[in-house]
Amino acid sequence: MRTTVPTDPENPVNGPGSGLGIGTGTTPCGTIWAHEGGITGYSSTNFTDGTGSRTATVLVPTEVLFEFGAAPKLVEADKALKDAVVCTMFGKPAPTGPVTARTG
């Protein structure tokens, strides 16, 4: 499950990867394993650290980000929320300043 196929051709060794149902990626506060999903009206993302001892879940009551390519401000807000949750999971402060694209 944690044997991944690189998803970033420019960074195949240390970049994001996709495994059997889960993917890995780097966030401002650490490397995570995650799975995203959604049904009409909801989207969810589950995060865990590499040891599986810390986990977090974000449930957003909209799937507009995935279905309709939401407005950039909504995408930025979603990214900021997920970064804050992951940083809290790692016991680190959430990043401040402009939101950058997530790898993975």
PDB file of N, CA and C in Angstrom:
ATOM      1  N   MET A   1       0.827  -1.196   0.000  1.00  0.00           N
ATOM      2  CA  MET A   1       0.000   0.000   0.000  1.00  0.00           C
ATOM      3  C   MET A   1       0.867   1.255   0.000  1.00  0.00           C
ATOM      4  N   ARG A   2       2.011   1.175   0.649  1.00  0.00           N
ATOM      5  CA  ARG A   2       2.878   2.346   0.708  1.00  0.00           C
ATOM      6  C   ARG A   2       3.993   2.303  -0.325  1.00  0.00           C
ATOM      7  N   THR A   3       3.953   1.348  -1.232  1.00  0.00           N
ATOM      8  CA  THR A   3       4.857   1.367  -2.373  1.00  0.00           C
ATOM      9  C   THR A   3       4.181   2.247  -3.408  1.00  0.00           C
ATOM     10  N   THR A   4       4.812   3.366  -3.735  1.00  0.00           N
ATOM     11  CA  THR A   4       4.139   4.352  -4.578  1.00  0.00           C
ATOM     12  C   THR A   4       4.772   4.475  -5.954  1.00  0.00           C
ATOM     13  N   VAL A   5       3.986   5.006  -6.841  1.00  0.00           N
ATOM     14  CA  VAL A   5       4.430   5.372  -8.180  1.00  0.00           C
ATOM     15  C   VAL A   5       4.587   6.891  -8.176  1.00  0.00           C
ATOM     16  N   PRO A   6       5.729   7.428  -8.592  1.00  0.00           N
ATOM     17  CA  PRO A   6       5.917   8.883  -8.585  1.00  0.00           C
ATOM     18  C   PRO A   6       4.851   9.593  -9.423  1.00  0.00           C
ATOM     19  N   THR A   7       4.364  10.722  -8.911  1.00  0.00           N
ATOM     20  CA  THR A   7       3.368  11.512  -9.640  1.00  0.00           C
ATOM     21  C   THR A   7       3.917  12.840 -10.127  1.00  0.00           C
ATOM     22  N   ASP A   8       5.164  13.152  -9.771  1.00  0.00           N
ATOM     23  CA  ASP A   8       5.812  14.373 -10.246  1.00  0.00           C
ATOM     24  C   ASP A   8       7.067  13.975 -11.014  1.00  0.00           C
ATOM     25  N   PRO A   9       7.017  14.003 -12.362  1.00  0.00           N
ATOM     26  CA  PRO A   9       8.167  13.570 -13.158  1.00  0.00           C
ATOM     27  C   PRO A   9       9.457  14.330 -12.858  1.00  0.00           C
ATOM     28  N   GLU A  10       9.336  15.573 -12.371  1.00  0.00           N
ATOM     29  CA  GLU A  10      10.528  16.369 -12.072  1.00  0.00           C
ATOM     30  C   GLU A  10      11.129  16.035 -10.707  1.00  0.00           C
ATOM     31  N   ASN A  11      10.407  15.279  -9.871  1.00  0.00           N
ATOM     32  CA  ASN A  11      10.892  14.909  -8.549  1.00  0.00           C
ATOM     33  C   ASN A  11      10.453  13.472  -8.243  1.00  0.00           C
ATOM     34  N   PRO A  12      10.959  12.485  -9.015  1.00  0.00           N
ATOM     35  CA  PRO A  12      10.464  11.118  -8.865  1.00  0.00           C
ATOM     36  C   PRO A  12      10.899  10.399  -7.597  1.00  0.00           C
ATOM     37  N   VAL A  13      11.979  10.848  -6.951  1.00  0.00           N
ATOM     38  CA  VAL A  13      12.472  10.148  -5.768  1.00  0.00           C
ATOM     39  C   VAL A  13      11.858  10.690  -4.484  1.00  0.00           C
ATOM     40  N   ASN A  14      11.884  12.002  -4.274  1.00  0.00           N
ATOM     41  CA  ASN A  14      11.401  12.594  -3.031  1.00  0.00           C
ATOM     42  C   ASN A  14      10.090  13.349  -3.189  1.00  0.00           C
ATOM     43  N   GLY A  15       9.490  13.298  -4.355  1.00  0.00           N
ATOM     44  CA  GLY A  15       8.245  14.017  -4.602  1.00  0.00           C
ATOM     45  C   GLY A  15       7.033  13.197  -4.208  1.00  0.00           C
ATOM     46  N   PRO A  16       5.853  13.695  -4.520  1.00  0.00           N
ATOM     47  CA  PRO A  16       4.623  12.988  -4.174  1.00  0.00           C
ATOM     48  C   PRO A  16       4.506  11.688  -4.953  1.00  0.00           C
ATOM     49  N   GLY A  17       3.761  10.758  -4.382  1.00  0.00           N
ATOM     50  CA  GLY A  17       3.546   9.473  -5.038  1.00  0.00           C
ATOM     51  C   GLY A  17       2.156   8.965  -4.742  1.00  0.00           C
ATOM     52  N   SER A  18       1.723   8.003  -5.533  1.00  0.00           N
ATOM     53  CA  SER A  18       0.401   7.411  -5.350  1.00  0.00           C
ATOM     54  C   SER A  18       0.561   5.917  -5.148  1.00  0.00           C
ATOM     55  N   GLY A  19      -0.096   5.395  -4.105  1.00  0.00           N
ATOM     56  CA  GLY A  19      -0.042   3.974  -3.797  1.00  0.00           C
ATOM     57  C   GLY A  19      -1.405   3.342  -4.003  1.00  0.00           C
ATOM     58  N   LEU A  20      -1.634   2.225  -3.374  1.00  0.00           N
ATOM     59  CA  LEU A  20      -2.890   1.502  -3.501  1.00  0.00           C
ATOM     60  C   LEU A  20      -3.937   2.155  -2.594  1.00  0.00           C
ATOM     61  N   GLY A  21      -4.615   3.175  -3.119  1.00  0.00           N
ATOM     62  CA  GLY A  21      -5.666   3.849  -2.362  1.00  0.00           C
ATOM     63  C   GLY A  21      -5.202   5.033  -1.546  1.00  0.00           C
ATOM     64  N   ILE A  22      -3.894   5.180  -1.354  1.00  0.00           N
ATOM     65  CA  ILE A  22      -3.387   6.323  -0.609  1.00  0.00           C
ATOM     66  C   ILE A  22      -2.253   6.963  -1.398  1.00  0.00           C
ATOM     67  N   GLY A  23      -1.965   8.191  -1.064  1.00  0.00           N
ATOM     68  CA  GLY A  23      -0.865   8.897  -1.698  1.00  0.00           C
ATOM     69  C   GLY A  23      -0.021   9.565  -0.642  1.00  0.00           C
ATOM     70  N   THR A  24       1.167   9.938  -1.014  1.00  0.00           N
ATOM     71  CA  THR A  24       2.046  10.650  -0.098  1.00  0.00           C
ATOM     72  C   THR A  24       2.398  11.997  -0.706  1.00  0.00           C
ATOM     73  N   GLY A  25       2.696  12.934   0.148  1.00  0.00           N
ATOM     74  CA  GLY A  25       3.073  14.252  -0.318  1.00  0.00           C
ATOM     75  C   GLY A  25       3.698  15.046   0.808  1.00  0.00           C
ATOM     76  N   THR A  26       4.276  16.158   0.441  1.00  0.00           N
ATOM     77  CA  THR A  26       4.932  17.031   1.403  1.00  0.00           C
ATOM     78  C   THR A  26       4.049  18.237   1.660  1.00  0.00           C
ATOM     79  N   THR A  27       3.894  18.593   2.912  1.00  0.00           N
ATOM     80  CA  THR A  27       3.141  19.780   3.318  1.00  0.00           C
ATOM     81  C   THR A  27       4.122  20.738   3.999  1.00  0.00           C
ATOM     82  N   PRO A  28       3.689  21.954   4.307  1.00  0.00           N
ATOM     83  CA  PRO A  28       4.597  22.876   5.003  1.00  0.00           C
ATOM     84  C   PRO A  28       5.087  22.353   6.356  1.00  0.00           C
ATOM     85  N   CYS A  29       4.389  21.358   6.924  1.00  0.00           N
ATOM     86  CA  CYS A  29       4.762  20.886   8.260  1.00  0.00           C
ATOM     87  C   CYS A  29       5.264  19.456   8.305  1.00  0.00           C
ATOM     88  N   GLY A  30       5.310  18.780   7.181  1.00  0.00           N
ATOM     89  CA  GLY A  30       5.828  17.420   7.167  1.00  0.00           C
ATOM     90  C   GLY A  30       5.233  16.580   6.052  1.00  0.00           C
ATOM     91  N   THR A  31       5.760  15.371   5.933  1.00  0.00           N
ATOM     92  CA  THR A  31       5.290  14.436   4.921  1.00  0.00           C
ATOM     93  C   THR A  31       4.070  13.690   5.437  1.00  0.00           C
ATOM     94  N   ILE A  32       3.065  13.573   4.583  1.00  0.00           N
ATOM     95  CA  ILE A  32       1.820  12.925   4.976  1.00  0.00           C
ATOM     96  C   ILE A  32       1.492  11.785   4.013  1.00  0.00           C
ATOM     97  N   TRP A  33       0.655  10.890   4.497  1.00  0.00           N
ATOM     98  CA  TRP A  33      -0.031   9.897   3.689  1.00  0.00           C
ATOM     99  C   TRP A  33      -1.483  10.317   3.727  1.00  0.00           C
ATOM    100  N   ALA A  34      -2.178  10.240   2.604  1.00  0.00           N
ATOM    101  CA  ALA A  34      -3.541  10.772   2.573  1.00  0.00           C
ATOM    102  C   ALA A  34      -4.404  10.027   1.563  1.00  0.00           C
ATOM    103  N   HIS A  35      -5.692  10.202   1.749  1.00  0.00           N
ATOM    104  CA  HIS A  35      -6.691   9.712   0.791  1.00  0.00           C
ATOM    105  C   HIS A  35      -7.805  10.739   0.743  1.00  0.00           C
ATOM    106  N   GLU A  36      -8.203  11.120  -0.465  1.00  0.00           N
ATOM    107  CA  GLU A  36      -9.301  12.075  -0.645  1.00  0.00           C
ATOM    108  C   GLU A  36     -10.473  11.367  -1.295  1.00  0.00           C
ATOM    109  N   GLY A  37     -11.656  11.861  -1.004  1.00  0.00           N
ATOM    110  CA  GLY A  37     -12.850  11.304  -1.625  1.00  0.00           C
ATOM    111  C   GLY A  37     -13.986  12.293  -1.531  1.00  0.00           C
ATOM    112  N   GLY A  38     -15.064  11.971  -2.196  1.00  0.00           N
ATOM    113  CA  GLY A  38     -16.218  12.854  -2.136  1.00  0.00           C
ATOM    114  C   GLY A  38     -17.451  12.191  -2.695  1.00  0.00           C
ATOM    115  N   ILE A  39     -18.567  12.662  -2.234  1.00  0.00           N
ATOM    116  CA  ILE A  39     -19.862  12.301  -2.782  1.00  0.00           C
ATOM    117  C   ILE A  39     -20.612  13.610  -2.941  1.00  0.00           C
ATOM    118  N   THR A  40     -21.699  13.565  -3.613  1.00  0.00           N
ATOM    119  CA  THR A  40     -22.447  14.798  -3.833  1.00  0.00           C
ATOM    120  C   THR A  40     -22.687  15.507  -2.513  1.00  0.00           C
ATOM    121  N   GLY A  41     -22.191  16.723  -2.434  1.00  0.00           N
ATOM    122  CA  GLY A  41     -22.401  17.544  -1.242  1.00  0.00           C
ATOM    123  C   GLY A  41     -21.275  17.527  -0.230  1.00  0.00           C
ATOM    124  N   TYR A  42     -20.317  16.597  -0.327  1.00  0.00           N
ATOM    125  CA  TYR A  42     -19.251  16.508   0.665  1.00  0.00           C
ATOM    126  C   TYR A  42     -17.936  16.109   0.010  1.00  0.00           C
ATOM    127  N   SER A  43     -16.851  16.568   0.598  1.00  0.00           N
ATOM    128  CA  SER A  43     -15.532  16.059   0.249  1.00  0.00           C
ATOM    129  C   SER A  43     -14.791  15.794   1.551  1.00  0.00           C
ATOM    130  N   SER A  44     -13.930  14.794   1.527  1.00  0.00           N
ATOM    131  CA  SER A  44     -13.171  14.466   2.726  1.00  0.00           C
ATOM    132  C   SER A  44     -11.733  14.161   2.358  1.00  0.00           C
ATOM    133  N   THR A  45     -10.855  14.461   3.288  1.00  0.00           N
ATOM    134  CA  THR A  45      -9.451  14.107   3.153  1.00  0.00           C
ATOM    135  C   THR A  45      -8.989  13.555   4.488  1.00  0.00           C
ATOM    136  N   ASN A  46      -8.343  12.414   4.454  1.00  0.00           N
ATOM    137  CA  ASN A  46      -7.790  11.790   5.648  1.00  0.00           C
ATOM    138  C   ASN A  46      -6.279  11.855   5.551  1.00  0.00           C
ATOM    139  N   PHE A  47      -5.637  12.299   6.625  1.00  0.00           N
ATOM    140  CA  PHE A  47      -4.187  12.445   6.672  1.00  0.00           C
ATOM    141  C   PHE A  47      -3.629  11.572   7.786  1.00  0.00           C
ATOM    142  N   THR A  48      -2.421  11.052   7.607  1.00  0.00           N
ATOM    143  CA  THR A  48      -1.699  10.383   8.677  1.00  0.00           C
ATOM    144  C   THR A  48      -0.207  10.652   8.502  1.00  0.00           C
ATOM    145  N   ASP A  49       0.528  10.538   9.601  1.00  0.00           N
ATOM    146  CA  ASP A  49       1.976  10.676   9.501  1.00  0.00           C
ATOM    147  C   ASP A  49       2.563   9.335   9.066  1.00  0.00           C
ATOM    148  N   GLY A  50       3.858   9.270   8.858  1.00  0.00           N
ATOM    149  CA  GLY A  50       4.501   8.058   8.372  1.00  0.00           C
ATOM    150  C   GLY A  50       4.441   6.885   9.324  1.00  0.00           C
ATOM    151  N   THR A  51       4.227   7.146  10.605  1.00  0.00           N
ATOM    152  CA  THR A  51       4.164   6.057  11.579  1.00  0.00           C
ATOM    153  C   THR A  51       2.744   5.557  11.792  1.00  0.00           C
ATOM    154  N   GLY A  52       1.776   6.324  11.334  1.00  0.00           N
ATOM    155  CA  GLY A  52       0.374   5.957  11.560  1.00  0.00           C
ATOM    156  C   GLY A  52      -0.111   6.294  12.954  1.00  0.00           C
ATOM    157  N   SER A  53       0.708   7.009  13.736  1.00  0.00           N
ATOM    158  CA  SER A  53       0.308   7.317  15.115  1.00  0.00           C
ATOM    159  C   SER A  53      -0.458   8.632  15.238  1.00  0.00           C
ATOM    160  N   ARG A  54      -0.393   9.475  14.216  1.00  0.00           N
ATOM    161  CA  ARG A  54      -1.140  10.737  14.228  1.00  0.00           C
ATOM    162  C   ARG A  54      -1.993  10.806  12.965  1.00  0.00           C
ATOM    163  N   THR A  55      -3.271  11.103  13.146  1.00  0.00           N
ATOM    164  CA  THR A  55      -4.175  11.203  11.997  1.00  0.00           C
ATOM    165  C   THR A  55      -5.076  12.420  12.150  1.00  0.00           C
ATOM    166  N   ALA A  56      -5.606  12.851  11.025  1.00  0.00           N
ATOM    167  CA  ALA A  56      -6.558  13.969  11.019  1.00  0.00           C
ATOM    168  C   ALA A  56      -7.464  13.798   9.803  1.00  0.00           C
ATOM    169  N   THR A  57      -8.678  14.284   9.915  1.00  0.00           N
ATOM    170  CA  THR A  57      -9.640  14.225   8.818  1.00  0.00           C
ATOM    171  C   THR A  57     -10.270  15.590   8.631  1.00  0.00           C
ATOM    172  N   VAL A  58     -10.430  15.994   7.378  1.00  0.00           N
ATOM    173  CA  VAL A  58     -11.111  17.239   7.039  1.00  0.00           C
ATOM    174  C   VAL A  58     -12.333  16.861   6.213  1.00  0.00           C
ATOM    175  N   LEU A  59     -13.501  17.250   6.690  1.00  0.00           N
ATOM    176  CA  LEU A  59     -14.753  17.035   5.966  1.00  0.00           C
ATOM    177  C   LEU A  59     -15.312  18.399   5.596  1.00  0.00           C
ATOM    178  N   VAL A  60     -15.489  18.632   4.309  1.00  0.00           N
ATOM    179  CA  VAL A  60     -15.977  19.920   3.811  1.00  0.00           C
ATOM    180  C   VAL A  60     -17.360  19.699   3.203  1.00  0.00           C
ATOM    181  N   PRO A  61     -18.355  20.471   3.647  1.00  0.00           N
ATOM    182  CA  PRO A  61     -19.715  20.258   3.146  1.00  0.00           C
ATOM    183  C   PRO A  61     -19.956  20.863   1.766  1.00  0.00           C
ATOM    184  N   THR A  62     -19.088  20.522   0.844  1.00  0.00           N
ATOM    185  CA  THR A  62     -19.269  20.881  -0.560  1.00  0.00           C
ATOM    186  C   THR A  62     -18.314  20.048  -1.385  1.00  0.00           C
ATOM    187  N   GLU A  63     -18.705  19.717  -2.581  1.00  0.00           N
ATOM    188  CA  GLU A  63     -17.811  19.021  -3.479  1.00  0.00           C
ATOM    189  C   GLU A  63     -17.494  19.905  -4.679  1.00  0.00           C
ATOM    190  N   VAL A  64     -17.864  21.167  -4.582  1.00  0.00           N
ATOM    191  CA  VAL A  64     -17.679  22.099  -5.691  1.00  0.00           C
ATOM    192  C   VAL A  64     -16.222  22.198  -6.121  1.00  0.00           C
ATOM    193  N   LEU A  65     -15.290  22.000  -5.200  1.00  0.00           N
ATOM    194  CA  LEU A  65     -13.873  22.080  -5.546  1.00  0.00           C
ATOM    195  C   LEU A  65     -13.500  21.026  -6.580  1.00  0.00           C
ATOM    196  N   PHE A  66     -14.150  19.879  -6.507  1.00  0.00           N
ATOM    197  CA  PHE A  66     -13.801  18.774  -7.392  1.00  0.00           C
ATOM    198  C   PHE A  66     -14.672  18.740  -8.643  1.00  0.00           C
ATOM    199  N   GLU A  67     -15.941  19.068  -8.512  1.00  0.00           N
ATOM    200  CA  GLU A  67     -16.870  18.940  -9.629  1.00  0.00           C
ATOM    201  C   GLU A  67     -16.824  20.102 -10.613  1.00  0.00           C
ATOM    202  N   PHE A  68     -16.602  21.297 -10.124  1.00  0.00           N
ATOM    203  CA  PHE A  68     -16.775  22.459 -10.987  1.00  0.00           C
ATOM    204  C   PHE A  68     -15.556  23.360 -11.079  1.00  0.00           C
ATOM    205  N   GLY A  69     -14.392  22.926 -10.579  1.00  0.00           N
ATOM    206  CA  GLY A  69     -13.210  23.779 -10.621  1.00  0.00           C
ATOM    207  C   GLY A  69     -13.479  25.111  -9.959  1.00  0.00           C
ATOM    208  N   ALA A  70     -13.742  25.081  -8.689  1.00  0.00           N
ATOM    209  CA  ALA A  70     -14.184  26.235  -7.915  1.00  0.00           C
ATOM    210  C   ALA A  70     -13.335  27.488  -8.134  1.00  0.00           C
ATOM    211  N   ALA A  71     -13.860  28.584  -7.685  1.00  0.00           N
ATOM    212  CA  ALA A  71     -13.159  29.864  -7.737  1.00  0.00           C
ATOM    213  C   ALA A  71     -11.819  29.745  -7.011  1.00  0.00           C
ATOM    214  N   PRO A  72     -10.794  30.399  -7.499  1.00  0.00           N
ATOM    215  CA  PRO A  72      -9.464  30.309  -6.879  1.00  0.00           C
ATOM    216  C   PRO A  72      -9.457  30.613  -5.383  1.00  0.00           C
ATOM    217  N   LYS A  73     -10.288  31.533  -4.921  1.00  0.00           N
ATOM    218  CA  LYS A  73     -10.309  31.859  -3.487  1.00  0.00           C
ATOM    219  C   LYS A  73     -10.807  30.675  -2.659  1.00  0.00           C
ATOM    220  N   LEU A  74     -11.758  29.903  -3.190  1.00  0.00           N
ATOM    221  CA  LEU A  74     -12.224  28.710  -2.482  1.00  0.00           C
ATOM    222  C   LEU A  74     -11.135  27.647  -2.438  1.00  0.00           C
ATOM    223  N   VAL A  75     -10.420  27.478  -3.528  1.00  0.00           N
ATOM    224  CA  VAL A  75      -9.331  26.514  -3.570  1.00  0.00           C
ATOM    225  C   VAL A  75      -8.246  26.920  -2.568  1.00  0.00           C
ATOM    226  N   GLU A  76      -7.901  28.196  -2.501  1.00  0.00           N
ATOM    227  CA  GLU A  76      -6.915  28.689  -1.533  1.00  0.00           C
ATOM    228  C   GLU A  76      -7.380  28.457  -0.097  1.00  0.00           C
ATOM    229  N   ALA A  77      -8.664  28.713   0.174  1.00  0.00           N
ATOM    230  CA  ALA A  77      -9.197  28.509   1.526  1.00  0.00           C
ATOM    231  C   ALA A  77      -9.142  27.035   1.902  1.00  0.00           C
ATOM    232  N   ASP A  78      -9.462  26.147   0.971  1.00  0.00           N
ATOM    233  CA  ASP A  78      -9.408  24.710   1.223  1.00  0.00           C
ATOM    234  C   ASP A  78      -7.977  24.283   1.524  1.00  0.00           C
ATOM    235  N   LYS A  79      -7.035  24.774   0.757  1.00  0.00           N
ATOM    236  CA  LYS A  79      -5.618  24.453   0.966  1.00  0.00           C
ATOM    237  C   LYS A  79      -5.140  24.966   2.325  1.00  0.00           C
ATOM    238  N   ALA A  80      -5.507  26.189   2.681  1.00  0.00           N
ATOM    239  CA  ALA A  80      -5.106  26.763   3.971  1.00  0.00           C
ATOM    240  C   ALA A  80      -5.690  25.956   5.130  1.00  0.00           C
ATOM    241  N   LEU A  81      -6.953  25.544   5.010  1.00  0.00           N
ATOM    242  CA  LEU A  81      -7.590  24.729   6.051  1.00  0.00           C
ATOM    243  C   LEU A  81      -6.841  23.411   6.216  1.00  0.00           C
ATOM    244  N   LYS A  82      -6.569  22.733   5.106  1.00  0.00           N
ATOM    245  CA  LYS A  82      -5.891  21.439   5.184  1.00  0.00           C
ATOM    246  C   LYS A  82      -4.471  21.588   5.730  1.00  0.00           C
ATOM    247  N   ASP A  83      -3.756  22.629   5.332  1.00  0.00           N
ATOM    248  CA  ASP A  83      -2.419  22.859   5.886  1.00  0.00           C
ATOM    249  C   ASP A  83      -2.490  23.096   7.391  1.00  0.00           C
ATOM    250  N   ALA A  84      -3.468  23.871   7.850  1.00  0.00           N
ATOM    251  CA  ALA A  84      -3.612  24.140   9.286  1.00  0.00           C
ATOM    252  C   ALA A  84      -3.911  22.858  10.057  1.00  0.00           C
ATOM    253  N   VAL A  85      -4.750  22.010   9.507  1.00  0.00           N
ATOM    254  CA  VAL A  85      -5.092  20.744  10.168  1.00  0.00           C
ATOM    255  C   VAL A  85      -3.868  19.834  10.242  1.00  0.00           C
ATOM    256  N   VAL A  86      -3.144  19.719   9.133  1.00  0.00           N
ATOM    257  CA  VAL A  86      -1.952  18.860   9.120  1.00  0.00           C
ATOM    258  C   VAL A  86      -0.903  19.391  10.088  1.00  0.00           C
ATOM    259  N   CYS A  87      -0.683  20.695  10.104  1.00  0.00           N
ATOM    260  CA  CYS A  87       0.305  21.275  11.020  1.00  0.00           C
ATOM    261  C   CYS A  87      -0.094  21.023  12.471  1.00  0.00           C
ATOM    262  N   THR A  88      -1.369  21.143  12.771  1.00  0.00           N
ATOM    263  CA  THR A  88      -1.843  20.849  14.126  1.00  0.00           C
ATOM    264  C   THR A  88      -1.595  19.380  14.461  1.00  0.00           C
ATOM    265  N   MET A  89      -1.844  18.496  13.496  1.00  0.00           N
ATOM    266  CA  MET A  89      -1.590  17.071  13.692  1.00  0.00           C
ATOM    267  C   MET A  89      -0.125  16.824  14.054  1.00  0.00           C
ATOM    268  N   PHE A  90       0.787  17.557  13.420  1.00  0.00           N
ATOM    269  CA  PHE A  90       2.212  17.419  13.703  1.00  0.00           C
ATOM    270  C   PHE A  90       2.664  18.252  14.909  1.00  0.00           C
ATOM    271  N   GLY A  91       1.756  19.006  15.523  1.00  0.00           N
ATOM    272  CA  GLY A  91       2.115  19.829  16.666  1.00  0.00           C
ATOM    273  C   GLY A  91       2.917  21.056  16.293  1.00  0.00           C
ATOM    274  N   LYS A  92       2.710  21.560  15.076  1.00  0.00           N
ATOM    275  CA  LYS A  92       3.444  22.724  14.590  1.00  0.00           C
ATOM    276  C   LYS A  92       2.464  23.849  14.273  1.00  0.00           C
ATOM    277  N   PRO A  93       2.927  25.089  14.275  1.00  0.00           N
ATOM    278  CA  PRO A  93       2.034  26.198  13.911  1.00  0.00           C
ATOM    279  C   PRO A  93       1.706  26.178  12.423  1.00  0.00           C
ATOM    280  N   ALA A  94       0.508  26.595  12.107  1.00  0.00           N
ATOM    281  CA  ALA A  94       0.083  26.676  10.706  1.00  0.00           C
ATOM    282  C   ALA A  94       0.882  27.759   9.995  1.00  0.00           C
ATOM    283  N   PRO A  95       1.173  27.552   8.722  1.00  0.00           N
ATOM    284  CA  PRO A  95       1.910  28.584   7.975  1.00  0.00           C
ATOM    285  C   PRO A  95       1.076  29.842   7.810  1.00  0.00           C
ATOM    286  N   THR A  96       1.770  30.953   7.670  1.00  0.00           N
ATOM    287  CA  THR A  96       1.096  32.214   7.407  1.00  0.00           C
ATOM    288  C   THR A  96       1.602  32.740   6.081  1.00  0.00           C
ATOM    289  N   GLY A  97       0.878  33.644   5.511  1.00  0.00           N
ATOM    290  CA  GLY A  97       1.298  34.220   4.231  1.00  0.00           C
ATOM    291  C   GLY A  97       0.560  33.576   3.067  1.00  0.00           C
ATOM    292  N   PRO A  98       1.025  33.829   1.866  1.00  0.00           N
ATOM    293  CA  PRO A  98       0.341  33.315   0.672  1.00  0.00           C
ATOM    294  C   PRO A  98       0.311  31.791   0.635  1.00  0.00           C
ATOM    295  N   VAL A  99      -0.754  31.251   0.108  1.00  0.00           N
ATOM    296  CA  VAL A  99      -0.908  29.806  -0.021  1.00  0.00           C
ATOM    297  C   VAL A  99      -0.178  29.362  -1.287  1.00  0.00           C
ATOM    298  N   THR A 100       0.588  28.266  -1.174  1.00  0.00           N
ATOM    299  CA  THR A 100       1.273  27.726  -2.338  1.00  0.00           C
ATOM    300  C   THR A 100       0.630  26.398  -2.717  1.00  0.00           C
ATOM    301  N   ALA A 101       0.836  25.995  -3.940  1.00  0.00           N
ATOM    302  CA  ALA A 101       0.211  24.765  -4.435  1.00  0.00           C
ATOM    303  C   ALA A 101       0.735  23.554  -3.676  1.00  0.00           C
ATOM    304  N   ARG A 102      -0.147  22.608  -3.407  1.00  0.00           N
ATOM    305  CA  ARG A 102       0.213  21.359  -2.742  1.00  0.00           C
ATOM    306  C   ARG A 102       0.782  20.414  -3.790  1.00  0.00           C
ATOM    307  N   THR A 103       1.805  19.672  -3.401  1.00  0.00           N
ATOM    308  CA  THR A 103       2.324  18.643  -4.292  1.00  0.00           C
ATOM    309  C   THR A 103       1.734  17.331  -3.855  1.00  0.00           C
ATOM    310  N   GLY A 104       0.977  16.722  -4.689  1.00  0.00           N
ATOM    311  CA  GLY A 104       0.376  15.443  -4.332  1.00  0.00           C
ATOM    312  C   GLY A 104      -1.092  15.501  -4.246  1.00  0.00           C
TER     313      GLY A 104
END
